Structure formats: C-alpha cells, structure tokens
PDB file of N, CA and C in Angstrom:
ATOM      1  N   GLN A   1     -21.837  87.152 -30.634  1.00  0.00           N
ATOM      2  CA  GLN A   1     -21.237  86.542 -29.560  1.00  0.00           C
ATOM      3  C   GLN A   1     -20.083  85.589 -30.193  1.00  0.00           C
ATOM      4  N   ASN A   2     -18.968  86.161 -30.561  1.00  0.00           N
ATOM      5  CA  ASN A   2     -18.007  85.555 -31.162  1.00  0.00           C
ATOM      6  C   ASN A   2     -16.658  85.756 -30.499  1.00  0.00           C
ATOM      7  N   ARG A   3     -15.710  84.872 -30.741  1.00  0.00           N
ATOM      8  CA  ARG A   3     -14.260  85.051 -30.490  1.00  0.00           C
ATOM      9  C   ARG A   3     -13.632  85.082 -31.683  1.00  0.00           C
ATOM     10  N   TRP A   4     -12.572  85.957 -31.653  1.00  0.00           N
ATOM     11  CA  TRP A   4     -11.798  86.192 -32.805  1.00  0.00           C
ATOM     12  C   TRP A   4     -10.293  85.686 -32.451  1.00  0.00           C
ATOM     13  N   LEU A   5      -9.773  84.790 -33.456  1.00  0.00           N
ATOM     14  CA  LEU A   5      -8.428  84.332 -33.117  1.00  0.00           C
ATOM     15  C   LEU A   5      -7.446  84.849 -34.097  1.00  0.00           C
ATOM     16  N   LEU A   6      -6.385  85.396 -33.557  1.00  0.00           N
ATOM     17  CA  LEU A   6      -5.355  86.028 -34.397  1.00  0.00           C
ATOM     18  C   LEU A   6      -4.260  84.858 -34.426  1.00  0.00           C
ATOM     19  N   VAL A   7      -4.007  84.286 -35.691  1.00  0.00           N
ATOM     20  CA  VAL A   7      -3.039  83.096 -35.822  1.00  0.00           C
ATOM     21  C   VAL A   7      -2.008  83.437 -36.883  1.00  0.00           C
ATOM     22  N   GLU A   8      -0.771  83.120 -36.450  1.00  0.00           N
ATOM     23  CA  GLU A   8       0.269  83.264 -37.512  1.00  0.00           C
ATOM     24  C   GLU A   8       0.587  81.781 -37.863  1.00  0.00           C
ATOM     25  N   PHE A   9       0.851  81.466 -39.156  1.00  0.00           N
ATOM     26  CA  PHE A   9       1.088  80.255 -39.537  1.00  0.00           C
ATOM     27  C   PHE A   9       2.627  80.290 -40.045  1.00  0.00           C
ATOM     28  N   VAL A  10       3.494  79.571 -39.188  1.00  0.00           N
ATOM     29  CA  VAL A  10       4.860  79.537 -39.370  1.00  0.00           C
ATOM     30  C   VAL A  10       5.240  78.248 -40.310  1.00  0.00           C
ATOM     31  N   HIS A  11       5.926  78.513 -41.258  1.00  0.00           N
ATOM     32  CA  HIS A  11       6.250  77.409 -42.303  1.00  0.00           C
ATOM     33  C   HIS A  11       7.517  76.632 -41.623  1.00  0.00           C
ATOM     34  N   VAL A  12       7.384  75.228 -41.620  1.00  0.00           N
ATOM     35  CA  VAL A  12       8.425  74.540 -41.257  1.00  0.00           C
ATOM     36  C   VAL A  12       9.117  73.897 -42.484  1.00  0.00           C
ATOM     37  N   PRO A  13      10.379  74.333 -42.712  1.00  0.00           N
ATOM     38  CA  PRO A  13      11.130  73.883 -43.986  1.00  0.00           C
ATOM     39  C   PRO A  13      11.449  72.477 -43.801  1.00  0.00           C
ATOM     40  N   THR A  14      11.412  71.786 -45.037  1.00  0.00           N
ATOM     41  CA  THR A  14      11.828  70.432 -45.025  1.00  0.00           C
ATOM     42  C   THR A  14      13.419  70.358 -45.062  1.00  0.00           C
ATOM     43  N   ASN A  15      13.911  69.261 -44.515  1.00  0.00           N
ATOM     44  CA  ASN A  15      15.428  69.135 -44.452  1.00  0.00           C
ATOM     45  C   ASN A  15      15.978  68.266 -45.587  1.00  0.00           C
ATOM     46  N   ALA A  16      15.333  68.266 -46.713  1.00  0.00           N
ATOM     47  CA  ALA A  16      15.633  67.528 -47.820  1.00  0.00           C
ATOM     48  C   ALA A  16      16.986  67.983 -48.399  1.00  0.00           C
ATOM     49  N   LYS A  17      17.160  69.308 -48.491  1.00  0.00           N
ATOM     50  CA  LYS A  17      18.448  69.940 -48.876  1.00  0.00           C
ATOM     51  C   LYS A  17      18.619  71.232 -47.988  1.00  0.00           C
ATOM     52  N   SER A  18      19.917  71.324 -47.754  1.00  0.00           N
ATOM     53  CA  SER A  18      20.177  72.557 -46.931  1.00  0.00           C
ATOM     54  C   SER A  18      20.323  73.741 -48.039  1.00  0.00           C
ATOM     55  N   SER A  19      19.609  74.756 -47.639  1.00  0.00           N
ATOM     56  CA  SER A  19      19.561  75.888 -48.494  1.00  0.00           C
ATOM     57  C   SER A  19      19.699  77.263 -47.742  1.00  0.00           C
ATOM     58  N   SER A  20      20.013  78.138 -48.448  1.00  0.00           N
ATOM     59  CA  SER A  20      20.072  79.434 -47.926  1.00  0.00           C
ATOM     60  C   SER A  20      18.763  80.145 -47.454  1.00  0.00           C
ATOM     61  N   ALA A  21      18.687  81.058 -46.545  1.00  0.00           N
ATOM     62  CA  ALA A  21      17.439  81.628 -46.208  1.00  0.00           C
ATOM     63  C   ALA A  21      16.690  82.422 -47.366  1.00  0.00           C
ATOM     64  N   LYS A  22      17.487  82.902 -48.250  1.00  0.00           N
ATOM     65  CA  LYS A  22      16.949  83.644 -49.483  1.00  0.00           C
ATOM     66  C   LYS A  22      16.036  82.682 -50.362  1.00  0.00           C
ATOM     67  N   SER A  23      16.742  81.381 -50.662  1.00  0.00           N
ATOM     68  CA  SER A  23      16.063  80.445 -51.599  1.00  0.00           C
ATOM     69  C   SER A  23      14.889  79.849 -50.758  1.00  0.00           C
ATOM     70  N   GLU A  24      14.928  79.732 -49.502  1.00  0.00           N
ATOM     71  CA  GLU A  24      13.834  79.140 -48.630  1.00  0.00           C
ATOM     72  C   GLU A  24      12.515  80.129 -48.783  1.00  0.00           C
ATOM     73  N   ALA A  25      12.767  81.508 -48.576  1.00  0.00           N
ATOM     74  CA  ALA A  25      11.758  82.421 -48.738  1.00  0.00           C
ATOM     75  C   ALA A  25      11.128  82.420 -50.113  1.00  0.00           C
ATOM     76  N   GLN A  26      11.896  81.970 -51.126  1.00  0.00           N
ATOM     77  CA  GLN A  26      11.203  82.091 -52.468  1.00  0.00           C
ATOM     78  C   GLN A  26      10.338  80.894 -52.663  1.00  0.00           C
ATOM     79  N   ILE A  27      10.452  79.762 -51.972  1.00  0.00           N
ATOM     80  CA  ILE A  27       9.641  78.588 -52.175  1.00  0.00           C
ATOM     81  C   ILE A  27       8.564  78.287 -51.048  1.00  0.00           C
ATOM     82  N   LEU A  28       8.114  79.390 -50.458  1.00  0.00           N
ATOM     83  CA  LEU A  28       7.187  79.228 -49.441  1.00  0.00           C
ATOM     84  C   LEU A  28       5.972  78.619 -50.100  1.00  0.00           C
ATOM     85  N   PRO A  29       5.308  77.677 -49.567  1.00  0.00           N
ATOM     86  CA  PRO A  29       3.951  77.036 -50.250  1.00  0.00           C
ATOM     87  C   PRO A  29       2.842  78.140 -50.122  1.00  0.00           C
ATOM     88  N   ALA A  30       2.099  78.026 -51.309  1.00  0.00           N
ATOM     89  CA  ALA A  30       0.906  78.842 -51.323  1.00  0.00           C
ATOM     90  C   ALA A  30      -0.107  78.457 -50.243  1.00  0.00           C
ATOM     91  N   LEU A  31      -0.681  79.431 -49.694  1.00  0.00           N
ATOM     92  CA  LEU A  31      -1.681  79.285 -48.550  1.00  0.00           C
ATOM     93  C   LEU A  31      -2.742  80.380 -48.729  1.00  0.00           C
ATOM     94  N   ASP A  32      -3.893  79.865 -48.493  1.00  0.00           N
ATOM     95  CA  ASP A  32      -5.041  80.946 -48.592  1.00  0.00           C
ATOM     96  C   ASP A  32      -6.122  80.543 -47.599  1.00  0.00           C
ATOM     97  N   SER A  33      -7.201  81.373 -47.304  1.00  0.00           N
ATOM     98  CA  SER A  33      -8.247  81.324 -46.416  1.00  0.00           C
ATOM     99  C   SER A  33      -8.908  79.770 -46.552  1.00  0.00           C
ATOM    100  N   LYS A  34      -9.306  79.477 -47.782  1.00  0.00           N
ATOM    101  CA  LYS A  34      -9.929  78.219 -48.120  1.00  0.00           C
ATOM    102  C   LYS A  34      -9.245  77.024 -47.570  1.00  0.00           C
ATOM    103  N   LYS A  35      -7.746  77.011 -47.865  1.00  0.00           N
ATOM    104  CA  LYS A  35      -6.950  75.884 -47.555  1.00  0.00           C
ATOM    105  C   LYS A  35      -6.961  75.833 -45.983  1.00  0.00           C
ATOM    106  N   ILE A  36      -6.880  76.884 -45.361  1.00  0.00           N
ATOM    107  CA  ILE A  36      -6.754  76.999 -43.910  1.00  0.00           C
ATOM    108  C   ILE A  36      -8.192  76.400 -43.254  1.00  0.00           C
ATOM    109  N   TRP A  37      -9.162  76.988 -43.664  1.00  0.00           N
ATOM    110  CA  TRP A  37     -10.490  76.437 -43.193  1.00  0.00           C
ATOM    111  C   TRP A  37     -10.737  74.980 -43.410  1.00  0.00           C
ATOM    112  N   THR A  38     -10.293  74.419 -44.553  1.00  0.00           N
ATOM    113  CA  THR A  38     -10.411  72.999 -45.000  1.00  0.00           C
ATOM    114  C   THR A  38      -9.609  72.189 -44.018  1.00  0.00           C
ATOM    115  N   ALA A  39      -8.408  72.711 -43.838  1.00  0.00           N
ATOM    116  CA  ALA A  39      -7.366  71.883 -42.888  1.00  0.00           C
ATOM    117  C   ALA A  39      -7.893  71.825 -41.447  1.00  0.00           C
ATOM    118  N   LEU A  40      -8.480  73.057 -41.073  1.00  0.00           N
ATOM    119  CA  LEU A  40      -8.999  73.174 -39.707  1.00  0.00           C
ATOM    120  C   LEU A  40     -10.238  72.288 -39.489  1.00  0.00           C
ATOM    121  N   LYS A  41     -11.099  72.191 -40.564  1.00  0.00           N
ATOM    122  CA  LYS A  41     -12.355  71.348 -40.390  1.00  0.00           C
ATOM    123  C   LYS A  41     -11.872  69.682 -40.364  1.00  0.00           C
ATOM    124  N   LEU A  42     -10.960  69.537 -41.361  1.00  0.00           N
ATOM    125  CA  LEU A  42     -10.594  68.047 -41.171  1.00  0.00           C
ATOM    126  C   LEU A  42      -9.900  67.743 -39.936  1.00  0.00           C
ATOM    127  N   ASN A  43      -9.200  68.607 -39.363  1.00  0.00           N
ATOM    128  CA  ASN A  43      -8.421  68.368 -38.120  1.00  0.00           C
ATOM    129  C   ASN A  43      -9.516  68.264 -36.945  1.00  0.00           C
ATOM    130  N   ILE A  44     -10.466  69.154 -36.997  1.00  0.00           N
ATOM    131  CA  ILE A  44     -11.391  69.001 -35.858  1.00  0.00           C
ATOM    132  C   ILE A  44     -12.334  67.840 -35.978  1.00  0.00           C
ATOM    133  N   ILE A  45     -12.533  67.464 -37.270  1.00  0.00           N
ATOM    134  CA  ILE A  45     -13.365  66.246 -37.251  1.00  0.00           C
ATOM    135  C   ILE A  45     -12.463  65.025 -36.876  1.00  0.00           C
ATOM    136  N   HIS A  46     -11.202  65.048 -37.213  1.00  0.00           N
ATOM    137  CA  HIS A  46     -10.182  63.853 -36.775  1.00  0.00           C
ATOM    138  C   HIS A  46     -10.174  63.816 -35.222  1.00  0.00           C
ATOM    139  N   HIS A  47      -9.952  64.960 -34.465  1.00  0.00           N
ATOM    140  CA  HIS A  47      -9.761  64.879 -33.113  1.00  0.00           C
ATOM    141  C   HIS A  47     -11.122  65.028 -32.257  1.00  0.00           C
ATOM    142  N   PHE A  48     -11.947  65.527 -32.654  1.00  0.00           N
ATOM    143  CA  PHE A  48     -13.291  65.806 -31.890  1.00  0.00           C
ATOM    144  C   PHE A  48     -14.431  65.203 -32.509  1.00  0.00           C
ATOM    145  N   GLY A  49     -14.265  64.531 -33.677  1.00  0.00           N
ATOM    146  CA  GLY A  49     -15.434  63.844 -34.214  1.00  0.00           C
ATOM    147  C   GLY A  49     -16.589  64.823 -34.905  1.00  0.00           C
ATOM    148  N   GLU A  50     -17.458  64.160 -35.428  1.00  0.00           N
ATOM    149  CA  GLU A  50     -18.698  64.939 -36.055  1.00  0.00           C
ATOM    150  C   GLU A  50     -19.385  65.943 -34.957  1.00  0.00           C
ATOM    151  N   THR A  51     -19.248  65.479 -33.733  1.00  0.00           N
ATOM    152  CA  THR A  51     -19.978  66.178 -32.754  1.00  0.00           C
ATOM    153  C   THR A  51     -19.327  67.547 -32.492  1.00  0.00           C
ATOM    154  N   GLY A  52     -18.006  67.428 -32.360  1.00  0.00           N
ATOM    155  CA  GLY A  52     -17.190  68.643 -32.219  1.00  0.00           C
ATOM    156  C   GLY A  52     -17.301  69.604 -33.370  1.00  0.00           C
ATOM    157  N   TRP A  53     -17.185  68.990 -34.574  1.00  0.00           N
ATOM    158  CA  TRP A  53     -17.408  69.756 -35.870  1.00  0.00           C
ATOM    159  C   TRP A  53     -18.728  70.478 -35.854  1.00  0.00           C
ATOM    160  N   GLY A  54     -19.767  69.697 -35.481  1.00  0.00           N
ATOM    161  CA  GLY A  54     -21.117  70.287 -35.472  1.00  0.00           C
ATOM    162  C   GLY A  54     -21.339  71.505 -34.555  1.00  0.00           C
ATOM    163  N   LYS A  55     -20.486  71.486 -33.464  1.00  0.00           N
ATOM    164  CA  LYS A  55     -20.517  72.647 -32.519  1.00  0.00           C
ATOM    165  C   LYS A  55     -19.833  73.923 -33.129  1.00  0.00           C
ATOM    166  N   VAL A  56     -18.865  73.753 -33.875  1.00  0.00           N
ATOM    167  CA  VAL A  56     -18.128  75.132 -34.506  1.00  0.00           C
ATOM    168  C   VAL A  56     -18.495  75.312 -35.961  1.00  0.00           C
ATOM    169  N   SER A  57     -19.131  74.404 -36.665  1.00  0.00           N
ATOM    170  CA  SER A  57     -19.252  74.383 -38.084  1.00  0.00           C
ATOM    171  C   SER A  57     -20.049  75.731 -38.543  1.00  0.00           C
ATOM    172  N   THR A  58     -21.164  76.175 -37.857  1.00  0.00           N
ATOM    173  CA  THR A  58     -21.936  77.164 -38.194  1.00  0.00           C
ATOM    174  C   THR A  58     -21.312  78.453 -38.000  1.00  0.00           C
ATOM    175  N   SER A  59     -20.284  78.705 -37.168  1.00  0.00           N
ATOM    176  CA  SER A  59     -19.708  79.951 -36.966  1.00  0.00           C
ATOM    177  C   SER A  59     -18.322  80.028 -37.403  1.00  0.00           C
ATOM    178  N   LEU A  60     -17.686  78.946 -37.569  1.00  0.00           N
ATOM    179  CA  LEU A  60     -16.159  79.035 -38.061  1.00  0.00           C
ATOM    180  C   LEU A  60     -15.930  79.558 -39.385  1.00  0.00           C
ATOM    181  N   THR A  61     -15.310  80.616 -39.361  1.00  0.00           N
ATOM    182  CA  THR A  61     -14.838  81.420 -40.708  1.00  0.00           C
ATOM    183  C   THR A  61     -13.519  82.003 -40.650  1.00  0.00           C
ATOM    184  N   VAL A  62     -12.680  81.839 -41.712  1.00  0.00           N
ATOM    185  CA  VAL A  62     -11.565  82.624 -41.780  1.00  0.00           C
ATOM    186  C   VAL A  62     -11.794  83.937 -42.457  1.00  0.00           C
ATOM    187  N   LYS A  63     -11.881  85.003 -41.709  1.00  0.00           N
ATOM    188  CA  LYS A  63     -12.243  86.316 -42.037  1.00  0.00           C
ATOM    189  C   LYS A  63     -11.239  87.113 -42.929  1.00  0.00           C
ATOM    190  N   TYR A  64      -9.903  86.595 -42.548  1.00  0.00           N
ATOM    191  CA  TYR A  64      -8.855  87.443 -43.155  1.00  0.00           C
ATOM    192  C   TYR A  64      -7.580  86.668 -43.145  1.00  0.00           C
ATOM    193  N   PHE A  65      -6.816  86.692 -44.217  1.00  0.00           N
ATOM    194  CA  PHE A  65      -5.706  85.989 -44.367  1.00  0.00           C
ATOM    195  C   PHE A  65      -4.541  86.823 -45.288  1.00  0.00           C
ATOM    196  N   SER A  66      -3.412  87.043 -44.683  1.00  0.00           N
ATOM    197  CA  SER A  66      -2.336  87.923 -45.411  1.00  0.00           C
ATOM    198  C   SER A  66      -1.290  86.904 -45.853  1.00  0.00           C
ATOM    199  N   PRO A  67      -1.151  86.530 -47.178  1.00  0.00           N
ATOM    200  CA  PRO A  67      -0.036  85.770 -47.601  1.00  0.00           C
ATOM    201  C   PRO A  67       1.453  86.223 -47.196  1.00  0.00           C
ATOM    202  N   THR A  68       1.421  87.559 -47.124  1.00  0.00           N
ATOM    203  CA  THR A  68       2.813  88.122 -46.922  1.00  0.00           C
ATOM    204  C   THR A  68       3.156  87.871 -45.471  1.00  0.00           C
ATOM    205  N   THR A  69       2.419  88.068 -44.475  1.00  0.00           N
ATOM    206  CA  THR A  69       2.676  87.952 -43.053  1.00  0.00           C
ATOM    207  C   THR A  69       2.229  86.666 -42.555  1.00  0.00           C
ATOM    208  N   ARG A  70       1.437  85.769 -43.310  1.00  0.00           N
ATOM    209  CA  ARG A  70       1.028  84.656 -42.821  1.00  0.00           C
ATOM    210  C   ARG A  70       0.131  84.610 -41.646  1.00  0.00           C
ATOM    211  N   MET A  71      -0.548  85.751 -41.499  1.00  0.00           N
ATOM    212  CA  MET A  71      -1.438  85.951 -40.314  1.00  0.00           C
ATOM    213  C   MET A  71      -2.960  85.796 -40.820  1.00  0.00           C
ATOM    214  N   ALA A  72      -3.676  85.232 -39.997  1.00  0.00           N
ATOM    215  CA  ALA A  72      -5.061  85.003 -40.263  1.00  0.00           C
ATOM    216  C   ALA A  72      -5.950  85.443 -38.968  1.00  0.00           C
ATOM    217  N   ILE A  73      -7.205  85.804 -39.396  1.00  0.00           N
ATOM    218  CA  ILE A  73      -8.105  86.191 -38.436  1.00  0.00           C
ATOM    219  C   ILE A  73      -9.295  85.104 -38.491  1.00  0.00           C
ATOM    220  N   ILE A  74      -9.668  84.333 -37.650  1.00  0.00           N
ATOM    221  CA  ILE A  74     -10.554  83.315 -37.617  1.00  0.00           C
ATOM    222  C   ILE A  74     -11.682  83.807 -36.512  1.00  0.00           C
ATOM    223  N   ARG A  75     -12.956  83.674 -37.060  1.00  0.00           N
ATOM    224  CA  ARG A  75     -14.061  83.968 -36.095  1.00  0.00           C
ATOM    225  C   ARG A  75     -14.735  82.603 -35.754  1.00  0.00           C
ATOM    226  N   VAL A  76     -15.273  82.390 -34.534  1.00  0.00           N
ATOM    227  CA  VAL A  76     -15.808  81.182 -34.163  1.00  0.00           C
ATOM    228  C   VAL A  76     -16.750  81.715 -32.917  1.00  0.00           C
ATOM    229  N   ALA A  77     -17.838  80.963 -32.672  1.00  0.00           N
ATOM    230  CA  ALA A  77     -18.748  81.126 -31.680  1.00  0.00           C
ATOM    231  C   ALA A  77     -18.061  81.102 -30.283  1.00  0.00           C
ATOM    232  N   ARG A  78     -18.536  82.002 -29.348  1.00  0.00           N
ATOM    233  CA  ARG A  78     -17.890  82.152 -28.116  1.00  0.00           C
ATOM    234  C   ARG A  78     -17.930  80.898 -27.264  1.00  0.00           C
ATOM    235  N   ASP A  79     -19.095  80.163 -27.414  1.00  0.00           N
ATOM    236  CA  ASP A  79     -19.362  78.991 -26.471  1.00  0.00           C
ATOM    237  C   ASP A  79     -18.513  77.786 -26.823  1.00  0.00           C
ATOM    238  N   HIS A  80     -18.006  77.737 -28.189  1.00  0.00           N
ATOM    239  CA  HIS A  80     -17.216  76.637 -28.453  1.00  0.00           C
ATOM    240  C   HIS A  80     -15.767  77.043 -29.079  1.00  0.00           C
ATOM    241  N   HIS A  81     -15.325  78.132 -28.639  1.00  0.00           N
ATOM    242  CA  HIS A  81     -14.051  78.481 -29.201  1.00  0.00           C
ATOM    243  C   HIS A  81     -12.941  77.695 -28.815  1.00  0.00           C
ATOM    244  N   GLU A  82     -13.148  76.997 -27.597  1.00  0.00           N
ATOM    245  CA  GLU A  82     -11.985  76.022 -27.265  1.00  0.00           C
ATOM    246  C   GLU A  82     -11.643  74.968 -28.288  1.00  0.00           C
ATOM    247  N   ILE A  83     -12.799  74.539 -28.846  1.00  0.00           N
ATOM    248  CA  ILE A  83     -12.598  73.455 -29.848  1.00  0.00           C
ATOM    249  C   ILE A  83     -11.799  73.922 -31.025  1.00  0.00           C
ATOM    250  N   ALA A  84     -12.107  75.089 -31.520  1.00  0.00           N
ATOM    251  CA  ALA A  84     -11.333  75.621 -32.606  1.00  0.00           C
ATOM    252  C   ALA A  84     -10.060  75.859 -32.247  1.00  0.00           C
ATOM    253  N   TRP A  85      -9.792  76.460 -31.129  1.00  0.00           N
ATOM    254  CA  TRP A  85      -8.414  76.727 -30.607  1.00  0.00           C
ATOM    255  C   TRP A  85      -7.549  75.374 -30.539  1.00  0.00           C
ATOM    256  N   ALA A  86      -8.261  74.361 -29.920  1.00  0.00           N
ATOM    257  CA  ALA A  86      -7.527  73.137 -29.860  1.00  0.00           C
ATOM    258  C   ALA A  86      -7.221  72.478 -31.287  1.00  0.00           C
ATOM    259  N   GLY A  87      -8.102  72.622 -32.152  1.00  0.00           N
ATOM    260  CA  GLY A  87      -7.982  72.166 -33.559  1.00  0.00           C
ATOM    261  C   GLY A  87      -6.837  72.876 -34.222  1.00  0.00           C
ATOM    262  N   LEU A  88      -6.700  74.155 -34.020  1.00  0.00           N
ATOM    263  CA  LEU A  88      -5.590  74.935 -34.412  1.00  0.00           C
ATOM    264  C   LEU A  88      -4.141  74.500 -33.937  1.00  0.00           C
ATOM    265  N   THR A  89      -4.185  74.340 -32.651  1.00  0.00           N
ATOM    266  CA  THR A  89      -3.033  73.712 -31.848  1.00  0.00           C
ATOM    267  C   THR A  89      -2.613  72.422 -32.346  1.00  0.00           C
ATOM    268  N   LEU A  90      -3.484  71.528 -32.641  1.00  0.00           N
ATOM    269  CA  LEU A  90      -3.242  70.213 -33.208  1.00  0.00           C
ATOM    270  C   LEU A  90      -2.985  70.181 -34.607  1.00  0.00           C
ATOM    271  N   LEU A  91      -3.089  71.283 -35.410  1.00  0.00           N
ATOM    272  CA  LEU A  91      -2.863  71.307 -36.710  1.00  0.00           C
ATOM    273  C   LEU A  91      -1.313  71.285 -37.039  1.00  0.00           C
ATOM    274  N   SER A  92      -0.950  70.323 -37.894  1.00  0.00           N
ATOM    275  CA  SER A  92       0.477  70.262 -38.193  1.00  0.00           C
ATOM    276  C   SER A  92       0.874  70.530 -39.698  1.00  0.00           C
ATOM    277  N   SER A  93      -0.087  70.303 -40.496  1.00  0.00           N
ATOM    278  CA  SER A  93       0.243  70.465 -41.965  1.00  0.00           C
ATOM    279  C   SER A  93      -1.039  70.889 -42.712  1.00  0.00           C
ATOM    280  N   ILE A  94      -0.731  71.630 -43.835  1.00  0.00           N
ATOM    281  CA  ILE A  94      -1.874  72.166 -44.667  1.00  0.00           C
ATOM    282  C   ILE A  94      -1.454  71.620 -46.075  1.00  0.00           C
ATOM    283  N   ASP A  95      -2.056  70.906 -46.749  1.00  0.00           N
ATOM    284  CA  ASP A  95      -1.894  70.401 -48.148  1.00  0.00           C
ATOM    285  C   ASP A  95      -0.469  69.807 -48.099  1.00  0.00           C
ATOM    286  N   ARG A  96      -0.121  69.023 -47.160  1.00  0.00           N
ATOM    287  CA  ARG A  96       1.142  68.412 -47.051  1.00  0.00           C
ATOM    288  C   ARG A  96       2.398  69.195 -46.859  1.00  0.00           C
ATOM    289  N   ASP A  97       2.123  70.492 -46.565  1.00  0.00           N
ATOM    290  CA  ASP A  97       3.286  71.416 -46.215  1.00  0.00           C
ATOM    291  C   ASP A  97       3.027  71.566 -44.629  1.00  0.00           C
ATOM    292  N   LYS A  98       4.164  71.552 -43.880  1.00  0.00           N
ATOM    293  CA  LYS A  98       4.256  71.575 -42.472  1.00  0.00           C
ATOM    294  C   LYS A  98       4.136  73.049 -42.096  1.00  0.00           C
ATOM    295  N   PHE A  99       3.360  73.281 -41.167  1.00  0.00           N
ATOM    296  CA  PHE A  99       3.085  74.641 -40.485  1.00  0.00           C
ATOM    297  C   PHE A  99       2.978  74.502 -39.013  1.00  0.00           C
ATOM    298  N   ILE A 100       3.296  75.474 -38.343  1.00  0.00           N
ATOM    299  CA  ILE A 100       3.107  75.527 -36.908  1.00  0.00           C
ATOM    300  C   ILE A 100       2.105  76.735 -36.744  1.00  0.00           C
ATOM    301  N   PRO A 101       0.840  76.427 -36.357  1.00  0.00           N
ATOM    302  CA  PRO A 101      -0.043  77.686 -36.137  1.00  0.00           C
ATOM    303  C   PRO A 101       0.127  78.164 -34.749  1.00  0.00           C
ATOM    304  N   HIS A 102       0.424  79.375 -34.569  1.00  0.00           N
ATOM    305  CA  HIS A 102       0.770  80.129 -33.495  1.00  0.00           C
ATOM    306  C   HIS A 102      -0.482  81.125 -33.207  1.00  0.00           C
ATOM    307  N   VAL A 103      -1.224  80.846 -32.114  1.00  0.00           N
ATOM    308  CA  VAL A 103      -2.274  81.661 -31.792  1.00  0.00           C
ATOM    309  C   VAL A 103      -1.698  82.845 -30.956  1.00  0.00           C
ATOM    310  N   VAL A 104      -1.717  84.002 -31.646  1.00  0.00           N
ATOM    311  CA  VAL A 104      -1.159  85.166 -31.116  1.00  0.00           C
ATOM    312  C   VAL A 104      -2.076  85.901 -30.066  1.00  0.00           C
ATOM    313  N   HIS A 105      -3.316  85.866 -30.381  1.00  0.00           N
ATOM    314  CA  HIS A 105      -4.224  86.556 -29.516  1.00  0.00           C
ATOM    315  C   HIS A 105      -5.655  86.081 -29.779  1.00  0.00           C
ATOM    316  N   ILE A 106      -6.502  86.244 -28.630  1.00  0.00           N
ATOM    317  CA  ILE A 106      -7.806  85.861 -28.731  1.00  0.00           C
ATOM    318  C   ILE A 106      -8.691  86.988 -28.122  1.00  0.00           C
ATOM    319  N   SER A 107      -9.703  87.419 -28.823  1.00  0.00           N
ATOM    320  CA  SER A 107     -10.486  88.642 -28.384  1.00  0.00           C
ATOM    321  C   SER A 107     -11.876  88.276 -28.578  1.00  0.00           C
ATOM    322  N   GLY A 108     -12.801  89.212 -27.983  1.00  0.00           N
ATOM    323  CA  GLY A 108     -14.272  89.105 -28.240  1.00  0.00           C
ATOM    324  C   GLY A 108     -14.796  88.732 -26.905  1.00  0.00           C
TER     325      GLY A 108
END
C-alpha cells in the first residue's frame, strides 16, 4: 500500500557570475539517492517534527535516481504520502546547492 512520487530536481544556478548555458551544464552539482533521502529527512523533521518523520520513516525510500535527467522515484506509505509530498515541496537545497523539486506524478 504505497504511493510512488516521480520528482524532477531542477538546479537553480547561482548568480555569482554570468555564464553561458554550456559552462553551466558542466558544473551541475553531484546528486544521488542518499543525498536526496537525507535532505528530505532533515526537511520533514524541520517542518513536521519527529512525529511527522516517524509517520514516513519506515516507508520512505528513494528507489531510483537518474543523474542525467535528474528524475527520482520515491516510495512512501499511502497513509502519509502527503507529508513526504509537502516535505519535497518545501525542500529548497541539497548540500547547499539550490534545487526546485517538481513533483511530476503520483501513482499507486
């Protein structure tokens, strides 16, 4: 009884230097499943407390992440998927790099 969230992580470039699109593509920050899971965990604890984290902690997993497309598939229990969804929506950075998580689809 799970929900599956398809999420795209759009990188927000810093405005320190104006650079061309080609050089921006070369310096995209490294991102992986573990970093996404850790950032989501910390964000849920920050916004929903230990109770919110306790509701989703046993079922929340990042099942797939593609560094090329920046798309992730996240599994969470059906009863509390709104907490994970809100945690993703409120997420603004992963390891000090700015990202906009875009929830493309929810299924299950």
